Amino acid sequence: MDMLSKAGRFLYAIPFGIFGLFHFMNGSQMAGMVPIPGGVFWIYLTGVALLAACVSIIIQKKARLACLLLGVMLLIFALSIHLPGVIGAESGQAMQASMSSLLKDTALAGAAWILAGYSPADSGVTE
């Protein structure tokens, strides 16, 4: 089970690192999705948070805190960005795209909290 847990931890963390890099590469294009003032600032802050969560989960330092906060952030995305897209969609295709993102972020938030539950409070996931 140790190898399976380690592989799962890496498979979960690495996409968040890539998403974090995307926030820096496409910050100005993503700023329009932010539902509060200061768009680009929030995009870059989110990029930092995603990269930090990735590193924390991989190196197993403060992984519990990182996973708790990652879950909160993902749930905020689901409710503030994707849910309004589902509700306000003008076509079935737009609604389906928003619903996919809503469900993805909700599932990833749940997985982050599961991972947090298995992580010691002072360090990270045990192997």
N, C-alpha and C. Protein backbone atom coordinates (compact mmCIF):
# COMPACT_ATOMS: atom_id res chain seq x y z
N MET A 1 0.81 -1.20 0.00
CA MET A 1 0.00 0.00 0.00
C MET A 1 0.86 1.27 0.00
N ASP A 2 2.09 1.20 0.50
CA ASP A 2 2.92 2.40 0.54
C ASP A 2 3.16 2.97 -0.85
N MET A 3 3.47 2.11 -1.81
CA MET A 3 3.71 2.58 -3.18
C MET A 3 2.43 3.14 -3.80
N LEU A 4 1.31 2.51 -3.51
CA LEU A 4 0.03 2.98 -4.03
C LEU A 4 -0.31 4.35 -3.47
N SER A 5 -0.11 4.54 -2.18
CA SER A 5 -0.36 5.84 -1.55
C SER A 5 0.57 6.91 -2.10
N LYS A 6 1.82 6.56 -2.28
CA LYS A 6 2.79 7.52 -2.80
C LYS A 6 2.44 7.91 -4.23
N ALA A 7 2.11 6.93 -5.06
CA ALA A 7 1.72 7.21 -6.45
C ALA A 7 0.46 8.08 -6.48
N GLY A 8 -0.51 7.76 -5.64
CA GLY A 8 -1.73 8.55 -5.59
C GLY A 8 -1.47 9.98 -5.16
N ARG A 9 -0.59 10.15 -4.20
CA ARG A 9 -0.23 11.50 -3.72
C ARG A 9 0.40 12.31 -4.85
N PHE A 10 1.30 11.71 -5.60
CA PHE A 10 1.94 12.40 -6.71
C PHE A 10 0.94 12.70 -7.82
N LEU A 11 0.09 11.72 -8.16
CA LEU A 11 -0.91 11.93 -9.20
C LEU A 11 -1.91 13.01 -8.82
N TYR A 12 -2.17 13.17 -7.54
CA TYR A 12 -3.09 14.21 -7.09
C TYR A 12 -2.40 15.57 -7.09
N ALA A 13 -1.16 15.63 -6.64
CA ALA A 13 -0.46 16.91 -6.45
C ALA A 13 0.03 17.54 -7.75
N ILE A 14 0.57 16.76 -8.64
CA ILE A 14 1.23 17.32 -9.83
C ILE A 14 0.29 18.18 -10.70
N PRO A 15 -0.96 17.75 -10.95
CA PRO A 15 -1.82 18.65 -11.73
C PRO A 15 -2.03 20.02 -11.09
N PHE A 16 -2.03 20.10 -9.77
CA PHE A 16 -2.18 21.40 -9.12
C PHE A 16 -0.96 22.28 -9.38
N GLY A 17 0.22 21.67 -9.45
CA GLY A 17 1.42 22.43 -9.80
C GLY A 17 1.31 22.97 -11.22
N ILE A 18 0.82 22.15 -12.13
CA ILE A 18 0.64 22.58 -13.51
C ILE A 18 -0.42 23.68 -13.59
N PHE A 19 -1.54 23.50 -12.88
CA PHE A 19 -2.57 24.55 -12.85
C PHE A 19 -1.98 25.85 -12.31
N GLY A 20 -1.13 25.75 -11.28
CA GLY A 20 -0.49 26.93 -10.72
C GLY A 20 0.37 27.65 -11.75
N LEU A 21 1.14 26.89 -12.52
CA LEU A 21 1.95 27.49 -13.59
C LEU A 21 1.07 28.15 -14.64
N PHE A 22 -0.05 27.52 -14.97
CA PHE A 22 -0.97 28.11 -15.94
C PHE A 22 -1.48 29.47 -15.47
N HIS A 23 -1.66 29.62 -14.15
CA HIS A 23 -2.13 30.90 -13.61
C HIS A 23 -1.11 32.01 -13.88
N PHE A 24 0.17 31.68 -13.91
CA PHE A 24 1.19 32.68 -14.21
C PHE A 24 1.33 32.90 -15.71
N MET A 25 1.15 31.87 -16.48
CA MET A 25 1.31 31.97 -17.93
C MET A 25 0.12 32.67 -18.59
N ASN A 26 -1.07 32.54 -18.01
CA ASN A 26 -2.30 33.07 -18.62
C ASN A 26 -3.07 33.98 -17.68
N GLY A 27 -2.39 34.65 -16.79
CA GLY A 27 -3.05 35.46 -15.77
C GLY A 27 -4.02 36.50 -16.31
N SER A 28 -3.61 37.23 -17.33
CA SER A 28 -4.47 38.30 -17.84
C SER A 28 -5.72 37.73 -18.53
N GLN A 29 -5.58 36.58 -19.20
CA GLN A 29 -6.74 35.97 -19.84
C GLN A 29 -7.71 35.39 -18.81
N MET A 30 -7.21 34.91 -17.69
CA MET A 30 -8.03 34.29 -16.66
C MET A 30 -8.70 35.32 -15.76
N ALA A 31 -8.20 36.55 -15.75
CA ALA A 31 -8.68 37.57 -14.82
C ALA A 31 -10.17 37.84 -14.96
N GLY A 32 -10.72 37.68 -16.14
CA GLY A 32 -12.15 37.92 -16.36
C GLY A 32 -13.05 36.94 -15.64
N MET A 33 -12.52 35.79 -15.24
CA MET A 33 -13.32 34.79 -14.54
C MET A 33 -13.46 35.10 -13.05
N VAL A 34 -12.64 36.01 -12.53
CA VAL A 34 -12.64 36.30 -11.10
C VAL A 34 -13.86 37.15 -10.76
N PRO A 35 -14.71 36.68 -9.82
CA PRO A 35 -15.95 37.40 -9.53
C PRO A 35 -15.81 38.58 -8.56
N ILE A 36 -14.57 38.94 -8.19
CA ILE A 36 -14.34 40.06 -7.28
C ILE A 36 -13.28 40.98 -7.88
N PRO A 37 -13.21 42.23 -7.43
CA PRO A 37 -12.21 43.16 -7.98
C PRO A 37 -10.78 42.68 -7.74
N GLY A 38 -9.87 43.12 -8.61
CA GLY A 38 -8.45 42.77 -8.48
C GLY A 38 -8.09 41.51 -9.22
N GLY A 39 -8.76 41.22 -10.32
CA GLY A 39 -8.64 39.98 -11.06
C GLY A 39 -7.27 39.36 -11.17
N VAL A 40 -6.30 40.07 -11.76
CA VAL A 40 -4.98 39.48 -11.99
C VAL A 40 -4.28 39.17 -10.68
N PHE A 41 -4.43 40.02 -9.68
CA PHE A 41 -3.84 39.74 -8.36
C PHE A 41 -4.33 38.40 -7.83
N TRP A 42 -5.65 38.16 -7.91
CA TRP A 42 -6.21 36.91 -7.39
C TRP A 42 -5.76 35.71 -8.21
N ILE A 43 -5.58 35.91 -9.50
CA ILE A 43 -5.09 34.82 -10.35
C ILE A 43 -3.68 34.42 -9.92
N TYR A 44 -2.81 35.42 -9.72
CA TYR A 44 -1.44 35.11 -9.30
C TYR A 44 -1.39 34.53 -7.89
N LEU A 45 -2.20 35.05 -6.99
CA LEU A 45 -2.25 34.50 -5.62
C LEU A 45 -2.72 33.05 -5.65
N THR A 46 -3.71 32.77 -6.47
CA THR A 46 -4.19 31.40 -6.62
C THR A 46 -3.10 30.51 -7.19
N GLY A 47 -2.34 31.03 -8.15
CA GLY A 47 -1.22 30.27 -8.72
C GLY A 47 -0.19 29.91 -7.66
N VAL A 48 0.13 30.86 -6.80
CA VAL A 48 1.07 30.60 -5.70
C VAL A 48 0.50 29.53 -4.78
N ALA A 49 -0.79 29.64 -4.44
CA ALA A 49 -1.42 28.67 -3.54
C ALA A 49 -1.43 27.27 -4.15
N LEU A 50 -1.71 27.17 -5.44
CA LEU A 50 -1.71 25.86 -6.09
C LEU A 50 -0.31 25.25 -6.13
N LEU A 51 0.69 26.06 -6.44
CA LEU A 51 2.07 25.55 -6.43
C LEU A 51 2.50 25.14 -5.03
N ALA A 52 2.15 25.94 -4.03
CA ALA A 52 2.51 25.61 -2.65
C ALA A 52 1.84 24.32 -2.20
N ALA A 53 0.58 24.14 -2.55
CA ALA A 53 -0.12 22.90 -2.19
C ALA A 53 0.55 21.70 -2.85
N CYS A 54 0.90 21.83 -4.11
CA CYS A 54 1.57 20.75 -4.84
C CYS A 54 2.86 20.34 -4.14
N VAL A 55 3.68 21.32 -3.86
CA VAL A 55 4.97 21.04 -3.22
C VAL A 55 4.76 20.43 -1.83
N SER A 56 3.85 20.99 -1.08
CA SER A 56 3.59 20.52 0.28
C SER A 56 3.13 19.06 0.29
N ILE A 57 2.23 18.73 -0.61
CA ILE A 57 1.73 17.35 -0.68
C ILE A 57 2.85 16.40 -1.10
N ILE A 58 3.67 16.80 -2.04
CA ILE A 58 4.75 15.92 -2.52
C ILE A 58 5.82 15.72 -1.47
N ILE A 59 6.27 16.81 -0.82
CA ILE A 59 7.35 16.66 0.16
C ILE A 59 6.86 16.31 1.55
N GLN A 60 5.53 16.29 1.72
CA GLN A 60 4.90 15.88 2.97
C GLN A 60 5.24 16.80 4.14
N LYS A 61 5.30 18.08 3.88
CA LYS A 61 5.51 19.08 4.93
C LYS A 61 4.28 19.97 4.96
N LYS A 62 3.62 20.02 6.10
CA LYS A 62 2.38 20.79 6.26
C LYS A 62 1.31 20.36 5.26
N ALA A 63 1.33 19.09 4.91
CA ALA A 63 0.38 18.57 3.91
C ALA A 63 -1.05 18.63 4.42
N ARG A 64 -1.27 18.41 5.70
CA ARG A 64 -2.64 18.47 6.25
C ARG A 64 -3.21 19.87 6.05
N LEU A 65 -2.46 20.89 6.44
CA LEU A 65 -2.91 22.27 6.28
C LEU A 65 -3.10 22.60 4.81
N ALA A 66 -2.15 22.20 3.98
CA ALA A 66 -2.25 22.47 2.54
C ALA A 66 -3.51 21.84 1.95
N CYS A 67 -3.80 20.61 2.33
CA CYS A 67 -4.98 19.93 1.80
C CYS A 67 -6.28 20.55 2.32
N LEU A 68 -6.30 20.94 3.57
CA LEU A 68 -7.48 21.62 4.11
C LEU A 68 -7.76 22.91 3.34
N LEU A 69 -6.71 23.72 3.16
CA LEU A 69 -6.87 24.99 2.46
C LEU A 69 -7.17 24.79 0.98
N LEU A 70 -6.54 23.80 0.36
CA LEU A 70 -6.82 23.50 -1.04
C LEU A 70 -8.29 23.12 -1.22
N GLY A 71 -8.81 22.30 -0.32
CA GLY A 71 -10.23 21.92 -0.39
C GLY A 71 -11.14 23.12 -0.28
N VAL A 72 -10.83 24.03 0.63
CA VAL A 72 -11.63 25.25 0.78
C VAL A 72 -11.58 26.07 -0.50
N MET A 73 -10.38 26.26 -1.04
CA MET A 73 -10.22 27.06 -2.26
C MET A 73 -11.01 26.44 -3.42
N LEU A 74 -10.92 25.13 -3.57
CA LEU A 74 -11.63 24.46 -4.66
C LEU A 74 -13.14 24.58 -4.50
N LEU A 75 -13.62 24.49 -3.27
CA LEU A 75 -15.05 24.64 -3.05
C LEU A 75 -15.50 26.08 -3.34
N ILE A 76 -14.67 27.05 -2.99
CA ILE A 76 -14.97 28.44 -3.33
C ILE A 76 -15.05 28.61 -4.85
N PHE A 77 -14.12 28.00 -5.58
CA PHE A 77 -14.16 28.06 -7.05
C PHE A 77 -15.47 27.45 -7.56
N ALA A 78 -15.82 26.28 -7.02
CA ALA A 78 -17.02 25.60 -7.48
C ALA A 78 -18.26 26.47 -7.28
N LEU A 79 -18.35 27.10 -6.12
CA LEU A 79 -19.55 27.87 -5.79
C LEU A 79 -19.57 29.28 -6.39
N SER A 80 -18.40 29.91 -6.54
CA SER A 80 -18.39 31.30 -7.00
C SER A 80 -18.14 31.46 -8.50
N ILE A 81 -17.56 30.47 -9.13
CA ILE A 81 -17.25 30.57 -10.56
C ILE A 81 -18.13 29.60 -11.37
N HIS A 82 -18.13 28.33 -10.99
CA HIS A 82 -18.78 27.32 -11.81
C HIS A 82 -20.30 27.24 -11.59
N LEU A 83 -20.77 27.36 -10.35
CA LEU A 83 -22.21 27.31 -10.10
C LEU A 83 -22.95 28.44 -10.82
N PRO A 84 -22.46 29.69 -10.76
CA PRO A 84 -23.13 30.72 -11.55
C PRO A 84 -23.14 30.42 -13.06
N GLY A 85 -22.08 29.76 -13.53
CA GLY A 85 -22.05 29.36 -14.93
C GLY A 85 -23.11 28.33 -15.26
N VAL A 86 -23.38 27.43 -14.33
CA VAL A 86 -24.43 26.43 -14.52
C VAL A 86 -25.79 27.11 -14.51
N ILE A 87 -26.01 27.98 -13.54
CA ILE A 87 -27.31 28.64 -13.39
C ILE A 87 -27.60 29.59 -14.55
N GLY A 88 -26.58 30.32 -14.99
CA GLY A 88 -26.79 31.32 -16.03
C GLY A 88 -26.51 30.87 -17.45
N ALA A 89 -26.27 29.60 -17.64
CA ALA A 89 -25.93 29.10 -18.98
C ALA A 89 -27.07 29.35 -19.96
N GLU A 90 -26.70 29.80 -21.14
CA GLU A 90 -27.71 30.10 -22.16
C GLU A 90 -27.91 28.95 -23.14
N SER A 91 -27.07 27.93 -23.03
CA SER A 91 -27.25 26.76 -23.90
C SER A 91 -26.94 25.50 -23.09
N GLY A 92 -27.43 24.40 -23.59
CA GLY A 92 -27.16 23.13 -22.92
C GLY A 92 -25.68 22.79 -22.91
N GLN A 93 -24.99 23.17 -23.98
CA GLN A 93 -23.55 22.89 -24.07
C GLN A 93 -22.78 23.72 -23.05
N ALA A 94 -23.14 24.99 -22.88
CA ALA A 94 -22.47 25.85 -21.89
C ALA A 94 -22.76 25.35 -20.48
N MET A 95 -24.00 24.93 -20.23
CA MET A 95 -24.36 24.40 -18.92
C MET A 95 -23.58 23.13 -18.62
N GLN A 96 -23.43 22.27 -19.61
CA GLN A 96 -22.70 21.02 -19.41
C GLN A 96 -21.23 21.29 -19.12
N ALA A 97 -20.62 22.25 -19.79
CA ALA A 97 -19.22 22.59 -19.54
C ALA A 97 -19.05 23.14 -18.12
N SER A 98 -19.95 24.04 -17.71
CA SER A 98 -19.87 24.59 -16.36
C SER A 98 -20.14 23.51 -15.31
N MET A 99 -21.09 22.63 -15.59
CA MET A 99 -21.41 21.55 -14.65
C MET A 99 -20.22 20.62 -14.49
N SER A 100 -19.52 20.33 -15.58
CA SER A 100 -18.33 19.47 -15.49
C SER A 100 -17.28 20.10 -14.59
N SER A 101 -17.06 21.39 -14.73
CA SER A 101 -16.08 22.08 -13.89
C SER A 101 -16.55 22.13 -12.44
N LEU A 102 -17.84 22.35 -12.22
CA LEU A 102 -18.41 22.36 -10.87
C LEU A 102 -18.19 21.02 -10.19
N LEU A 103 -18.53 19.95 -10.88
CA LEU A 103 -18.38 18.61 -10.30
C LEU A 103 -16.91 18.24 -10.10
N LYS A 104 -16.05 18.62 -11.05
CA LYS A 104 -14.62 18.32 -10.92
C LYS A 104 -14.04 19.00 -9.68
N ASP A 105 -14.30 20.30 -9.53
CA ASP A 105 -13.75 21.01 -8.38
C ASP A 105 -14.34 20.52 -7.07
N THR A 106 -15.62 20.15 -7.06
CA THR A 106 -16.23 19.60 -5.85
C THR A 106 -15.58 18.27 -5.48
N ALA A 107 -15.35 17.42 -6.46
CA ALA A 107 -14.70 16.13 -6.20
C ALA A 107 -13.26 16.31 -5.73
N LEU A 108 -12.54 17.24 -6.35
CA LEU A 108 -11.15 17.48 -5.94
C LEU A 108 -11.09 18.07 -4.53
N ALA A 109 -12.07 18.90 -4.17
CA ALA A 109 -12.12 19.43 -2.80
C ALA A 109 -12.33 18.29 -1.81
N GLY A 110 -13.25 17.40 -2.12
CA GLY A 110 -13.49 16.24 -1.25
C GLY A 110 -12.25 15.38 -1.12
N ALA A 111 -11.56 15.14 -2.21
CA ALA A 111 -10.33 14.35 -2.16
C ALA A 111 -9.25 15.04 -1.33
N ALA A 112 -9.17 16.36 -1.44
CA ALA A 112 -8.19 17.10 -0.64
C ALA A 112 -8.48 16.91 0.84
N TRP A 113 -9.76 16.94 1.21
CA TRP A 113 -10.11 16.77 2.63
C TRP A 113 -9.90 15.33 3.09
N ILE A 114 -10.10 14.37 2.20
CA ILE A 114 -9.78 12.98 2.56
C ILE A 114 -8.28 12.86 2.81
N LEU A 115 -7.48 13.42 1.92
CA LEU A 115 -6.03 13.38 2.09
C LEU A 115 -5.61 14.09 3.37
N ALA A 116 -6.27 15.21 3.68
CA ALA A 116 -5.98 15.93 4.93
C ALA A 116 -6.28 15.05 6.13
N GLY A 117 -7.35 14.28 6.05
CA GLY A 117 -7.72 13.40 7.15
C GLY A 117 -6.71 12.30 7.42
N TYR A 118 -5.97 11.92 6.41
CA TYR A 118 -4.95 10.89 6.56
C TYR A 118 -3.57 11.46 6.82
N SER A 119 -3.48 12.78 6.88
CA SER A 119 -2.18 13.44 7.09
C SER A 119 -2.01 13.82 8.54
N PRO A 120 -0.85 13.53 9.12
CA PRO A 120 -0.58 14.02 10.48
C PRO A 120 -0.61 15.54 10.52
N ALA A 121 -1.05 16.10 11.61
CA ALA A 121 -1.22 17.54 11.72
C ALA A 121 0.10 18.29 11.59
N ASP A 122 1.22 17.69 12.00
CA ASP A 122 2.47 18.44 12.01
C ASP A 122 3.34 18.27 10.77
N SER A 123 3.09 17.27 9.96
CA SER A 123 3.96 17.11 8.79
C SER A 123 3.12 16.84 7.56
N GLY A 124 3.03 15.60 7.15
CA GLY A 124 2.33 15.31 5.91
C GLY A 124 1.76 13.92 5.92
N VAL A 125 1.47 13.41 4.75
CA VAL A 125 0.92 12.08 4.60
C VAL A 125 1.97 11.07 4.97
N THR A 126 1.60 10.09 5.76
CA THR A 126 2.55 9.05 6.11
C THR A 126 2.63 8.05 4.98
N GLU A 127 3.81 7.49 4.83
CA GLU A 127 3.98 6.50 3.76
C GLU A 127 3.69 5.11 4.25
